PDB file of N, CA and C in Angstrom:
ATOM      1  N   UNK A   1      65.061 110.651  13.764  1.00  0.00           N
ATOM      2  CA  UNK A   1      65.093 111.493  12.507  1.00  0.00           C
ATOM      3  C   UNK A   1      64.335 112.581  12.739  1.00  0.00           C
ATOM      4  N   UNK A   2      63.523 112.502  13.518  1.00  0.00           N
ATOM      5  CA  UNK A   2      62.505 113.709  13.662  1.00  0.00           C
ATOM      6  C   UNK A   2      62.965 114.686  14.707  1.00  0.00           C
ATOM      7  N   UNK A   3      64.192 114.336  15.594  1.00  0.00           N
ATOM      8  CA  UNK A   3      64.908 114.888  16.485  1.00  0.00           C
ATOM      9  C   UNK A   3      65.913 115.687  15.817  1.00  0.00           C
ATOM     10  N   UNK A   4      66.720 115.046  14.959  1.00  0.00           N
ATOM     11  CA  UNK A   4      67.816 115.496  14.219  1.00  0.00           C
ATOM     12  C   UNK A   4      66.901 116.787  13.118  1.00  0.00           C
ATOM     13  N   UNK A   5      65.745 116.534  12.660  1.00  0.00           N
ATOM     14  CA  UNK A   5      65.020 117.451  11.787  1.00  0.00           C
ATOM     15  C   UNK A   5      64.843 118.679  12.515  1.00  0.00           C
ATOM     16  N   UNK A   6      64.249 118.703  13.948  1.00  0.00           N
ATOM     17  CA  UNK A   6      63.908 119.715  14.633  1.00  0.00           C
ATOM     18  C   UNK A   6      65.127 120.630  15.214  1.00  0.00           C
ATOM     19  N   UNK A   7      66.257 119.786  15.228  1.00  0.00           N
ATOM     20  CA  UNK A   7      67.460 120.651  15.721  1.00  0.00           C
ATOM     21  C   UNK A   7      67.897 121.541  14.274  1.00  0.00           C
ATOM     22  N   UNK A   8      67.909 120.789  13.091  1.00  0.00           N
ATOM     23  CA  UNK A   8      68.248 121.327  11.953  1.00  0.00           C
ATOM     24  C   UNK A   8      67.344 122.796  11.840  1.00  0.00           C
ATOM     25  N   UNK A   9      66.070 122.703  12.009  1.00  0.00           N
ATOM     26  CA  UNK A   9      65.126 123.698  12.114  1.00  0.00           C
ATOM     27  C   UNK A   9      65.504 124.680  12.759  1.00  0.00           C
ATOM     28  N   UNK A  10      65.567 124.439  13.882  1.00  0.00           N
ATOM     29  CA  UNK A  10      66.064 125.373  15.348  1.00  0.00           C
ATOM     30  C   UNK A  10      67.384 126.143  14.942  1.00  0.00           C
ATOM     31  N   UNK A  11      68.089 125.553  14.190  1.00  0.00           N
ATOM     32  CA  UNK A  11      69.390 126.260  13.651  1.00  0.00           C
ATOM     33  C   UNK A  11      69.269 127.266  12.577  1.00  0.00           C
ATOM     34  N   UNK A  12      68.490 126.780  11.909  1.00  0.00           N
ATOM     35  CA  UNK A  12      67.949 127.673  10.834  1.00  0.00           C
ATOM     36  C   UNK A  12      67.424 128.867  11.397  1.00  0.00           C
ATOM     37  N   UNK A  13      66.550 128.831  12.290  1.00  0.00           N
ATOM     38  CA  UNK A  13      65.726 129.837  12.961  1.00  0.00           C
ATOM     39  C   UNK A  13      66.803 130.730  13.902  1.00  0.00           C
ATOM     40  N   UNK A  14      67.617 130.284  14.531  1.00  0.00           N
ATOM     41  CA  UNK A  14      68.606 130.669  15.235  1.00  0.00           C
ATOM     42  C   UNK A  14      69.426 131.705  14.118  1.00  0.00           C
ATOM     43  N   UNK A  15      69.705 131.214  12.814  1.00  0.00           N
ATOM     44  CA  UNK A  15      70.508 131.911  11.992  1.00  0.00           C
ATOM     45  C   UNK A  15      69.893 133.060  11.337  1.00  0.00           C
ATOM     46  N   UNK A  16      68.554 132.777  11.102  1.00  0.00           N
ATOM     47  CA  UNK A  16      67.783 134.157  10.729  1.00  0.00           C
ATOM     48  C   UNK A  16      67.627 134.988  11.828  1.00  0.00           C
ATOM     49  N   UNK A  17      67.622 134.439  12.768  1.00  0.00           N
ATOM     50  CA  UNK A  17      66.999 135.624  14.312  1.00  0.00           C
ATOM     51  C   UNK A  17      68.307 136.224  14.417  1.00  0.00           C
ATOM     52  N   UNK A  18      69.690 135.683  14.302  1.00  0.00           N
ATOM     53  CA  UNK A  18      70.665 136.469  14.481  1.00  0.00           C
ATOM     54  C   UNK A  18      70.952 137.448  13.291  1.00  0.00           C
ATOM     55  N   UNK A  19      70.648 137.101  12.478  1.00  0.00           N
ATOM     56  CA  UNK A  19      70.711 138.317  10.861  1.00  0.00           C
ATOM     57  C   UNK A  19      69.617 139.256  11.352  1.00  0.00           C
ATOM     58  N   UNK A  20      68.480 139.345  11.838  1.00  0.00           N
ATOM     59  CA  UNK A  20      67.646 140.043  11.745  1.00  0.00           C
ATOM     60  C   UNK A  20      67.612 141.076  13.393  1.00  0.00           C
ATOM     61  N   UNK A  21      68.078 140.340  14.222  1.00  0.00           N
ATOM     62  CA  UNK A  21      68.213 141.114  15.489  1.00  0.00           C
ATOM     63  C   UNK A  21      69.353 141.667  16.012  1.00  0.00           C
ATOM     64  N   UNK A  22      69.611 142.950  16.476  1.00  0.00           N
ATOM     65  CA  UNK A  22      70.462 143.541  16.886  1.00  0.00           C
ATOM     66  C   UNK A  22      70.841 142.715  18.224  1.00  0.00           C
ATOM     67  N   UNK A  23      72.206 142.994  18.679  1.00  0.00           N
ATOM     68  CA  UNK A  23      72.388 142.101  19.937  1.00  0.00           C
ATOM     69  C   UNK A  23      72.367 140.755  19.840  1.00  0.00           C
ATOM     70  N   UNK A  24      72.372 140.180  18.691  1.00  0.00           N
ATOM     71  CA  UNK A  24      72.627 138.396  18.788  1.00  0.00           C
ATOM     72  C   UNK A  24      73.394 138.244  17.565  1.00  0.00           C
ATOM     73  N   UNK A  25      74.550 137.459  17.779  1.00  0.00           N
ATOM     74  CA  UNK A  25      75.257 137.095  16.694  1.00  0.00           C
ATOM     75  C   UNK A  25      75.732 135.404  16.942  1.00  0.00           C
ATOM     76  N   UNK A  26      75.791 135.109  15.804  1.00  0.00           N
ATOM     77  CA  UNK A  26      76.337 133.585  15.540  1.00  0.00           C
ATOM     78  C   UNK A  26      77.283 133.471  14.508  1.00  0.00           C
ATOM     79  N   UNK A  27      78.534 132.865  14.933  1.00  0.00           N
ATOM     80  CA  UNK A  27      79.322 132.720  14.010  1.00  0.00           C
ATOM     81  C   UNK A  27      79.516 132.150  12.696  1.00  0.00           C
ATOM     82  N   UNK A  28      78.415 131.284  12.429  1.00  0.00           N
ATOM     83  CA  UNK A  28      78.246 130.230  11.088  1.00  0.00           C
ATOM     84  C   UNK A  28      76.905 129.243  11.244  1.00  0.00           C
ATOM     85  N   UNK A  29      77.101 128.471  10.588  1.00  0.00           N
ATOM     86  CA  UNK A  29      75.918 127.835  10.519  1.00  0.00           C
ATOM     87  C   UNK A  29      76.415 126.447  11.407  1.00  0.00           C
ATOM     88  N   UNK A  30      77.417 125.963  11.530  1.00  0.00           N
ATOM     89  CA  UNK A  30      78.094 124.929  12.708  1.00  0.00           C
ATOM     90  C   UNK A  30      77.681 125.458  13.859  1.00  0.00           C
ATOM     91  N   UNK A  31      78.234 126.510  13.924  1.00  0.00           N
ATOM     92  CA  UNK A  31      77.648 127.258  15.416  1.00  0.00           C
ATOM     93  C   UNK A  31      76.349 127.219  15.861  1.00  0.00           C
ATOM     94  N   UNK A  32      75.690 127.732  14.685  1.00  0.00           N
ATOM     95  CA  UNK A  32      73.953 127.705  15.077  1.00  0.00           C
ATOM     96  C   UNK A  32      73.655 126.190  15.447  1.00  0.00           C
ATOM     97  N   UNK A  33      73.969 125.295  14.667  1.00  0.00           N
ATOM     98  CA  UNK A  33      73.650 123.849  14.845  1.00  0.00           C
ATOM     99  C   UNK A  33      74.163 123.488  16.441  1.00  0.00           C
ATOM    100  N   UNK A  34      75.269 123.985  16.754  1.00  0.00           N
ATOM    101  CA  UNK A  34      75.896 123.647  18.027  1.00  0.00           C
ATOM    102  C   UNK A  34      74.700 124.344  19.120  1.00  0.00           C
ATOM    103  N   UNK A  35      74.235 125.649  18.901  1.00  0.00           N
ATOM    104  CA  UNK A  35      73.362 126.383  19.690  1.00  0.00           C
ATOM    105  C   UNK A  35      72.228 125.749  19.761  1.00  0.00           C
ATOM    106  N   UNK A  36      71.614 125.101  18.790  1.00  0.00           N
ATOM    107  CA  UNK A  36      70.562 124.283  18.456  1.00  0.00           C
ATOM    108  C   UNK A  36      70.501 123.457  19.460  1.00  0.00           C
ATOM    109  N   UNK A  37      71.670 122.674  19.349  1.00  0.00           N
ATOM    110  CA  UNK A  37      71.951 121.142  20.623  1.00  0.00           C
ATOM    111  C   UNK A  37      71.921 121.341  21.723  1.00  0.00           C
ATOM    112  N   UNK A  38      72.718 122.883  22.078  1.00  0.00           N
ATOM    113  CA  UNK A  38      72.777 123.192  23.515  1.00  0.00           C
ATOM    114  C   UNK A  38      71.528 123.698  24.009  1.00  0.00           C
ATOM    115  N   UNK A  39      70.703 124.379  23.297  1.00  0.00           N
ATOM    116  CA  UNK A  39      69.779 125.032  23.822  1.00  0.00           C
ATOM    117  C   UNK A  39      68.656 123.815  24.012  1.00  0.00           C
ATOM    118  N   UNK A  40      68.836 122.744  23.235  1.00  0.00           N
ATOM    119  CA  UNK A  40      67.763 121.525  23.445  1.00  0.00           C
ATOM    120  C   UNK A  40      68.257 120.805  24.435  1.00  0.00           C
ATOM    121  N   UNK A  41      69.447 120.491  24.947  1.00  0.00           N
ATOM    122  CA  UNK A  41      69.740 119.958  26.128  1.00  0.00           C
ATOM    123  C   UNK A  41      69.559 120.670  27.456  1.00  0.00           C
ATOM    124  N   UNK A  42      69.783 121.773  27.577  1.00  0.00           N
ATOM    125  CA  UNK A  42      69.473 122.715  28.383  1.00  0.00           C
ATOM    126  C   UNK A  42      67.962 122.886  28.721  1.00  0.00           C
ATOM    127  N   UNK A  43      66.969 123.122  27.692  1.00  0.00           N
ATOM    128  CA  UNK A  43      65.742 122.851  27.954  1.00  0.00           C
ATOM    129  C   UNK A  43      65.499 121.322  28.519  1.00  0.00           C
ATOM    130  N   UNK A  44      66.026 120.541  28.219  1.00  0.00           N
ATOM    131  CA  UNK A  44      65.986 118.963  28.747  1.00  0.00           C
ATOM    132  C   UNK A  44      66.333 118.850  30.103  1.00  0.00           C
ATOM    133  N   UNK A  45      67.272 119.134  30.430  1.00  0.00           N
ATOM    134  CA  UNK A  45      67.673 119.309  31.977  1.00  0.00           C
ATOM    135  C   UNK A  45      67.810 120.484  33.047  1.00  0.00           C
ATOM    136  N   UNK A  46      68.189 121.674  32.354  1.00  0.00           N
ATOM    137  CA  UNK A  46      68.057 122.883  33.521  1.00  0.00           C
ATOM    138  C   UNK A  46      66.572 123.420  33.510  1.00  0.00           C
ATOM    139  N   UNK A  47      66.115 123.668  32.541  1.00  0.00           N
ATOM    140  CA  UNK A  47      64.443 124.157  32.601  1.00  0.00           C
ATOM    141  C   UNK A  47      63.726 123.704  33.418  1.00  0.00           C
ATOM    142  N   UNK A  48      63.641 122.136  33.647  1.00  0.00           N
ATOM    143  CA  UNK A  48      62.526 121.840  34.672  1.00  0.00           C
ATOM    144  C   UNK A  48      63.021 122.086  36.114  1.00  0.00           C
ATOM    145  N   UNK A  49      64.355 122.043  36.096  1.00  0.00           N
ATOM    146  CA  UNK A  49      64.773 122.738  37.671  1.00  0.00           C
ATOM    147  C   UNK A  49      64.426 124.149  37.867  1.00  0.00           C
ATOM    148  N   UNK A  50      64.760 124.976  36.830  1.00  0.00           N
ATOM    149  CA  UNK A  50      64.435 126.339  36.845  1.00  0.00           C
ATOM    150  C   UNK A  50      62.685 126.720  37.301  1.00  0.00           C
ATOM    151  N   UNK A  51      62.096 125.582  36.267  1.00  0.00           N
ATOM    152  CA  UNK A  51      60.612 125.825  36.743  1.00  0.00           C
ATOM    153  C   UNK A  51      60.161 125.389  37.883  1.00  0.00           C
ATOM    154  N   UNK A  52      60.820 124.532  38.536  1.00  0.00           N
ATOM    155  CA  UNK A  52      60.501 123.833  39.877  1.00  0.00           C
ATOM    156  C   UNK A  52      60.563 125.027  40.776  1.00  0.00           C
ATOM    157  N   UNK A  53      61.835 125.591  40.831  1.00  0.00           N
ATOM    158  CA  UNK A  53      62.160 126.615  41.877  1.00  0.00           C
ATOM    159  C   UNK A  53      61.648 127.832  41.849  1.00  0.00           C
ATOM    160  N   UNK A  54      61.034 128.104  40.321  1.00  0.00           N
ATOM    161  CA  UNK A  54      60.403 129.603  40.483  1.00  0.00           C
ATOM    162  C   UNK A  54      58.888 129.327  40.192  1.00  0.00           C
ATOM    163  N   UNK A  55      58.236 128.403  40.742  1.00  0.00           N
ATOM    164  CA  UNK A  55      57.097 127.693  40.507  1.00  0.00           C
ATOM    165  C   UNK A  55      55.936 128.852  41.151  1.00  0.00           C
ATOM    166  N   UNK A  56      56.365 129.627  42.237  1.00  0.00           N
ATOM    167  CA  UNK A  56      55.501 130.600  42.743  1.00  0.00           C
ATOM    168  C   UNK A  56      55.393 131.792  42.025  1.00  0.00           C
ATOM    169  N   UNK A  57      56.306 132.099  41.771  1.00  0.00           N
ATOM    170  CA  UNK A  57      56.786 133.472  40.616  1.00  0.00           C
ATOM    171  C   UNK A  57      55.987 132.879  39.579  1.00  0.00           C
ATOM    172  N   UNK A  58      56.022 131.942  38.750  1.00  0.00           N
ATOM    173  CA  UNK A  58      55.400 131.493  37.419  1.00  0.00           C
ATOM    174  C   UNK A  58      53.798 131.441  37.933  1.00  0.00           C
ATOM    175  N   UNK A  59      53.219 130.880  38.825  1.00  0.00           N
ATOM    176  CA  UNK A  59      52.032 131.052  39.446  1.00  0.00           C
ATOM    177  C   UNK A  59      51.315 132.433  39.155  1.00  0.00           C
ATOM    178  N   UNK A  60      52.124 133.402  39.986  1.00  0.00           N
ATOM    179  CA  UNK A  60      51.485 134.681  40.343  1.00  0.00           C
ATOM    180  C   UNK A  60      51.454 135.274  39.009  1.00  0.00           C
ATOM    181  N   UNK A  61      52.639 135.328  38.251  1.00  0.00           N
ATOM    182  CA  UNK A  61      52.586 136.048  36.846  1.00  0.00           C
ATOM    183  C   UNK A  61      51.601 135.276  35.746  1.00  0.00           C
ATOM    184  N   UNK A  62      50.956 134.225  36.097  1.00  0.00           N
ATOM    185  CA  UNK A  62      50.403 133.451  35.466  1.00  0.00           C
ATOM    186  C   UNK A  62      50.946 132.924  34.034  1.00  0.00           C
ATOM    187  N   UNK A  63      52.390 132.401  34.317  1.00  0.00           N
ATOM    188  CA  UNK A  63      53.133 132.000  33.309  1.00  0.00           C
ATOM    189  C   UNK A  63      54.261 132.727  32.774  1.00  0.00           C
ATOM    190  N   UNK A  64      53.987 134.084  32.974  1.00  0.00           N
ATOM    191  CA  UNK A  64      54.689 134.815  32.003  1.00  0.00           C
ATOM    192  C   UNK A  64      56.285 134.795  32.469  1.00  0.00           C
ATOM    193  N   UNK A  65      56.229 134.139  33.761  1.00  0.00           N
ATOM    194  CA  UNK A  65      57.848 134.229  34.009  1.00  0.00           C
ATOM    195  C   UNK A  65      58.736 133.232  33.504  1.00  0.00           C
ATOM    196  N   UNK A  66      58.034 132.338  32.494  1.00  0.00           N
ATOM    197  CA  UNK A  66      58.478 131.273  31.849  1.00  0.00           C
ATOM    198  C   UNK A  66      59.282 131.804  30.593  1.00  0.00           C
ATOM    199  N   UNK A  67      59.095 133.300  30.445  1.00  0.00           N
ATOM    200  CA  UNK A  67      59.765 133.927  29.548  1.00  0.00           C
ATOM    201  C   UNK A  67      61.135 134.501  29.837  1.00  0.00           C
ATOM    202  N   UNK A  68      60.874 134.585  31.407  1.00  0.00           N
ATOM    203  CA  UNK A  68      62.487 134.963  31.967  1.00  0.00           C
ATOM    204  C   UNK A  68      63.200 133.561  31.959  1.00  0.00           C
ATOM    205  N   UNK A  69      62.521 132.588  32.059  1.00  0.00           N
ATOM    206  CA  UNK A  69      63.189 131.338  32.350  1.00  0.00           C
ATOM    207  C   UNK A  69      63.901 130.959  30.932  1.00  0.00           C
ATOM    208  N   UNK A  70      63.166 131.306  29.754  1.00  0.00           N
ATOM    209  CA  UNK A  70      63.541 131.104  28.611  1.00  0.00           C
ATOM    210  C   UNK A  70      64.802 131.880  28.357  1.00  0.00           C
ATOM    211  N   UNK A  71      64.915 133.259  28.482  1.00  0.00           N
ATOM    212  CA  UNK A  71      66.248 134.323  28.351  1.00  0.00           C
ATOM    213  C   UNK A  71      67.102 133.808  29.224  1.00  0.00           C
ATOM    214  N   UNK A  72      66.729 133.249  30.349  1.00  0.00           N
ATOM    215  CA  UNK A  72      68.381 132.704  31.425  1.00  0.00           C
ATOM    216  C   UNK A  72      68.859 131.326  30.554  1.00  0.00           C
ATOM    217  N   UNK A  73      67.791 130.342  29.819  1.00  0.00           N
ATOM    218  CA  UNK A  73      68.671 129.532  29.026  1.00  0.00           C
ATOM    219  C   UNK A  73      69.487 129.928  27.686  1.00  0.00           C
ATOM    220  N   UNK A  74      68.656 130.951  27.251  1.00  0.00           N
ATOM    221  CA  UNK A  74      69.386 131.658  26.202  1.00  0.00           C
ATOM    222  C   UNK A  74      70.654 132.344  26.504  1.00  0.00           C
ATOM    223  N   UNK A  75      71.120 132.873  27.856  1.00  0.00           N
ATOM    224  CA  UNK A  75      72.266 133.425  28.409  1.00  0.00           C
ATOM    225  C   UNK A  75      73.122 132.419  28.911  1.00  0.00           C
ATOM    226  N   UNK A  76      72.684 131.323  29.244  1.00  0.00           N
ATOM    227  CA  UNK A  76      73.368 130.559  29.631  1.00  0.00           C
ATOM    228  C   UNK A  76      74.277 129.537  28.296  1.00  0.00           C
ATOM    229  N   UNK A  77      73.245 129.612  27.228  1.00  0.00           N
ATOM    230  CA  UNK A  77      74.022 128.939  26.033  1.00  0.00           C
ATOM    231  C   UNK A  77      75.111 130.204  25.527  1.00  0.00           C
ATOM    232  N   UNK A  78      74.786 131.157  25.722  1.00  0.00           N
ATOM    233  CA  UNK A  78      75.771 132.123  25.256  1.00  0.00           C
ATOM    234  C   UNK A  78      77.256 132.115  25.836  1.00  0.00           C
ATOM    235  N   UNK A  79      76.813 131.855  27.351  1.00  0.00           N
ATOM    236  CA  UNK A  79      78.260 131.286  28.078  1.00  0.00           C
ATOM    237  C   UNK A  79      79.110 130.272  27.710  1.00  0.00           C
ATOM    238  N   UNK A  80      78.352 129.385  27.430  1.00  0.00           N
ATOM    239  CA  UNK A  80      78.626 128.064  26.826  1.00  0.00           C
ATOM    240  C   UNK A  80      79.453 127.816  25.753  1.00  0.00           C
ATOM    241  N   UNK A  81      78.900 128.672  24.613  1.00  0.00           N
ATOM    242  CA  UNK A  81      79.149 128.663  23.121  1.00  0.00           C
ATOM    243  C   UNK A  81      79.858 129.800  22.887  1.00  0.00           C
ATOM    244  N   UNK A  82      81.217 129.316  22.141  1.00  0.00           N
ATOM    245  CA  UNK A  82      82.023 130.698  21.777  1.00  0.00           C
ATOM    246  C   UNK A  82      81.262 131.405  20.461  1.00  0.00           C
ATOM    247  N   UNK A  83      80.986 130.817  19.534  1.00  0.00           N
ATOM    248  CA  UNK A  83      80.657 131.333  18.380  1.00  0.00           C
ATOM    249  C   UNK A  83      79.195 131.836  18.672  1.00  0.00           C
ATOM    250  N   UNK A  84      78.327 131.861  19.679  1.00  0.00           N
ATOM    251  CA  UNK A  84      76.943 132.767  19.940  1.00  0.00           C
ATOM    252  C   UNK A  84      77.094 133.728  20.947  1.00  0.00           C
ATOM    253  N   UNK A  85      76.883 134.912  20.639  1.00  0.00           N
ATOM    254  CA  UNK A  85      76.811 136.105  21.566  1.00  0.00           C
ATOM    255  C   UNK A  85      75.590 136.720  21.448  1.00  0.00           C
ATOM    256  N   UNK A  86      75.152 136.927  22.835  1.00  0.00           N
ATOM    257  CA  UNK A  86      73.957 137.734  23.286  1.00  0.00           C
ATOM    258  C   UNK A  86      74.328 138.976  24.001  1.00  0.00           C
ATOM    259  N   UNK A  87      74.227 140.432  23.617  1.00  0.00           N
ATOM    260  CA  UNK A  87      74.441 141.409  24.185  1.00  0.00           C
ATOM    261  C   UNK A  87      73.716 141.550  25.904  1.00  0.00           C
ATOM    262  N   UNK A  88      72.692 140.961  26.270  1.00  0.00           N
ATOM    263  CA  UNK A  88      72.085 141.416  27.431  1.00  0.00           C
ATOM    264  C   UNK A  88      70.709 140.659  27.589  1.00  0.00           C
ATOM    265  N   UNK A  89      70.203 140.920  28.557  1.00  0.00           N
ATOM    266  CA  UNK A  89      69.062 140.246  29.217  1.00  0.00           C
ATOM    267  C   UNK A  89      67.941 140.368  28.336  1.00  0.00           C
ATOM    268  N   UNK A  90      67.709 141.707  27.882  1.00  0.00           N
ATOM    269  CA  UNK A  90      66.534 142.175  26.682  1.00  0.00           C
ATOM    270  C   UNK A  90      66.558 141.583  25.436  1.00  0.00           C
ATOM    271  N   UNK A  91      67.806 141.424  25.077  1.00  0.00           N
ATOM    272  CA  UNK A  91      68.195 140.771  23.911  1.00  0.00           C
ATOM    273  C   UNK A  91      67.850 139.391  23.935  1.00  0.00           C
ATOM    274  N   UNK A  92      68.180 138.646  24.910  1.00  0.00           N
ATOM    275  CA  UNK A  92      67.925 137.302  25.096  1.00  0.00           C
ATOM    276  C   UNK A  92      66.320 137.032  25.348  1.00  0.00           C
ATOM    277  N   UNK A  93      65.597 138.034  25.910  1.00  0.00           N
ATOM    278  CA  UNK A  93      64.227 137.740  26.167  1.00  0.00           C
ATOM    279  C   UNK A  93      63.453 137.837  24.663  1.00  0.00           C
ATOM    280  N   UNK A  94      64.127 139.185  23.988  1.00  0.00           N
ATOM    281  CA  UNK A  94      63.282 139.077  22.888  1.00  0.00           C
ATOM    282  C   UNK A  94      63.641 137.902  21.865  1.00  0.00           C
ATOM    283  N   UNK A  95      65.003 137.322  21.693  1.00  0.00           N
ATOM    284  CA  UNK A  95      65.398 136.368  21.098  1.00  0.00           C
ATOM    285  C   UNK A  95      64.553 135.050  21.563  1.00  0.00           C
ATOM    286  N   UNK A  96      64.619 134.755  22.435  1.00  0.00           N
ATOM    287  CA  UNK A  96      63.349 133.676  23.125  1.00  0.00           C
ATOM    288  C   UNK A  96      62.158 133.562  22.632  1.00  0.00           C
ATOM    289  N   UNK A  97      61.798 134.520  22.779  1.00  0.00           N
ATOM    290  CA  UNK A  97      60.174 134.909  22.479  1.00  0.00           C
ATOM    291  C   UNK A  97      60.275 134.500  20.900  1.00  0.00           C
ATOM    292  N   UNK A  98      60.981 135.396  20.095  1.00  0.00           N
ATOM    293  CA  UNK A  98      61.202 135.137  18.538  1.00  0.00           C
ATOM    294  C   UNK A  98      61.167 133.628  18.275  1.00  0.00           C
ATOM    295  N   UNK A  99      62.265 133.081  18.687  1.00  0.00           N
ATOM    296  CA  UNK A  99      62.686 131.911  18.511  1.00  0.00           C
ATOM    297  C   UNK A  99      61.762 130.761  19.203  1.00  0.00           C
ATOM    298  N   UNK A 100      60.877 130.911  19.781  1.00  0.00           N
ATOM    299  CA  UNK A 100      59.619 130.002  20.333  1.00  0.00           C
ATOM    300  C   UNK A 100      58.716 130.332  19.247  1.00  0.00           C
ATOM    301  N   UNK A 101      58.229 131.451  18.735  1.00  0.00           N
ATOM    302  CA  UNK A 101      57.259 131.456  17.679  1.00  0.00           C
ATOM    303  C   UNK A 101      57.816 130.787  16.343  1.00  0.00           C
ATOM    304  N   UNK A 102      59.181 130.913  15.877  1.00  0.00           N
ATOM    305  CA  UNK A 102      59.591 130.523  14.761  1.00  0.00           C
ATOM    306  C   UNK A 102      59.525 129.093  14.851  1.00  0.00           C
ATOM    307  N   UNK A 103      59.864 128.544  16.127  1.00  0.00           N
ATOM    308  CA  UNK A 103      60.150 126.943  16.414  1.00  0.00           C
ATOM    309  C   UNK A 103      58.636 126.499  16.078  1.00  0.00           C
ATOM    310  N   UNK A 104      57.779 126.879  16.646  1.00  0.00           N
ATOM    311  CA  UNK A 104      56.485 126.581  16.759  1.00  0.00           C
ATOM    312  C   UNK A 104      55.940 126.678  15.246  1.00  0.00           C
ATOM    313  N   UNK A 105      56.055 127.326  14.589  1.00  0.00           N
ATOM    314  CA  UNK A 105      55.554 127.691  12.972  1.00  0.00           C
ATOM    315  C   UNK A 105      56.252 126.532  12.189  1.00  0.00           C
ATOM    316  N   UNK A 106      57.690 126.396  12.182  1.00  0.00           N
ATOM    317  CA  UNK A 106      58.173 125.313  11.504  1.00  0.00           C
ATOM    318  C   UNK A 106      58.032 124.042  11.897  1.00  0.00           C
ATOM    319  N   UNK A 107      57.645 123.701  13.430  1.00  0.00           N
ATOM    320  CA  UNK A 107      57.329 122.638  13.823  1.00  0.00           C
ATOM    321  C   UNK A 107      56.057 122.214  13.187  1.00  0.00           C
ATOM    322  N   UNK A 108      54.898 123.266  13.254  1.00  0.00           N
ATOM    323  CA  UNK A 108      53.833 122.908  12.678  1.00  0.00           C
ATOM    324  C   UNK A 108      53.721 122.194  11.153  1.00  0.00           C
ATOM    325  N   UNK A 109      54.791 123.026  10.381  1.00  0.00           N
ATOM    326  CA  UNK A 109      54.813 122.237   8.840  1.00  0.00           C
ATOM    327  C   UNK A 109      55.276 121.112   8.938  1.00  0.00           C
ATOM    328  N   UNK A 110      56.077 120.466   9.609  1.00  0.00           N
ATOM    329  CA  UNK A 110      56.419 119.247   9.943  1.00  0.00           C
ATOM    330  C   UNK A 110      55.167 118.261  10.248  1.00  0.00           C
ATOM    331  N   UNK A 111      54.383 118.573  11.274  1.00  0.00           N
ATOM    332  CA  UNK A 111      53.296 117.670  11.540  1.00  0.00           C
ATOM    333  C   UNK A 111      52.347 117.796  10.201  1.00  0.00           C
ATOM    334  N   UNK A 112      52.160 118.866   9.526  1.00  0.00           N
ATOM    335  CA  UNK A 112      51.223 119.060   8.289  1.00  0.00           C
ATOM    336  C   UNK A 112      51.795 118.235   7.351  1.00  0.00           C
ATOM    337  N   UNK A 113      53.001 118.088   7.000  1.00  0.00           N
ATOM    338  CA  UNK A 113      53.365 117.259   6.069  1.00  0.00           C
ATOM    339  C   UNK A 113      53.227 115.668   6.407  1.00  0.00           C
ATOM    340  N   UNK A 114      53.350 115.295   7.664  1.00  0.00           N
ATOM    341  CA  UNK A 114      53.148 114.137   8.039  1.00  0.00           C
ATOM    342  C   UNK A 114      51.871 113.565   7.833  1.00  0.00           C
ATOM    343  N   UNK A 115      50.710 114.705   8.044  1.00  0.00           N
ATOM    344  CA  UNK A 115      49.271 114.298   7.801  1.00  0.00           C
ATOM    345  C   UNK A 115      48.947 114.080   6.585  1.00  0.00           C
ATOM    346  N   UNK A 116      49.724 114.823   5.634  1.00  0.00           N
ATOM    347  CA  UNK A 116      49.097 114.721   4.119  1.00  0.00           C
ATOM    348  C   UNK A 116      49.920 113.533   3.751  1.00  0.00           C
ATOM    349  N   UNK A 117      51.114 112.633   4.149  1.00  0.00           N
ATOM    350  CA  UNK A 117      51.515 111.714   3.912  1.00  0.00           C
ATOM    351  C   UNK A 117      50.621 110.278   4.191  1.00  0.00           C
ATOM    352  N   UNK A 118      49.837 110.592   5.135  1.00  0.00           N
ATOM    353  CA  UNK A 118      49.251 109.317   5.471  1.00  0.00           C
ATOM    354  C   UNK A 118      47.990 109.032   4.582  1.00  0.00           C
TER     355      UNK A 118
END
């Protein structure tokens, strides 16, 4: 249930950011859910490999290269999903940064609700 809620919140963030940011478009709510699922799967399977192979660059840049990896994940999701379009690398980079911020804020609300229920 927790994973399903996180995917729905990520889809909500994708829809909001697609309406705010130029260069990002999503066809509809169902496409946003597909984007959230694909990003979750790419983060689960592809991101660790990218981090491993780019570890020296990540260390030298004190972790800032992870933003580039996130942008690559977004661009890969763009190629895999028909209803999701990203105009270029910089749009993907900005989108990934804002998506991370939105997700952190939304997920922290879930944690606070659980604490108040106990």
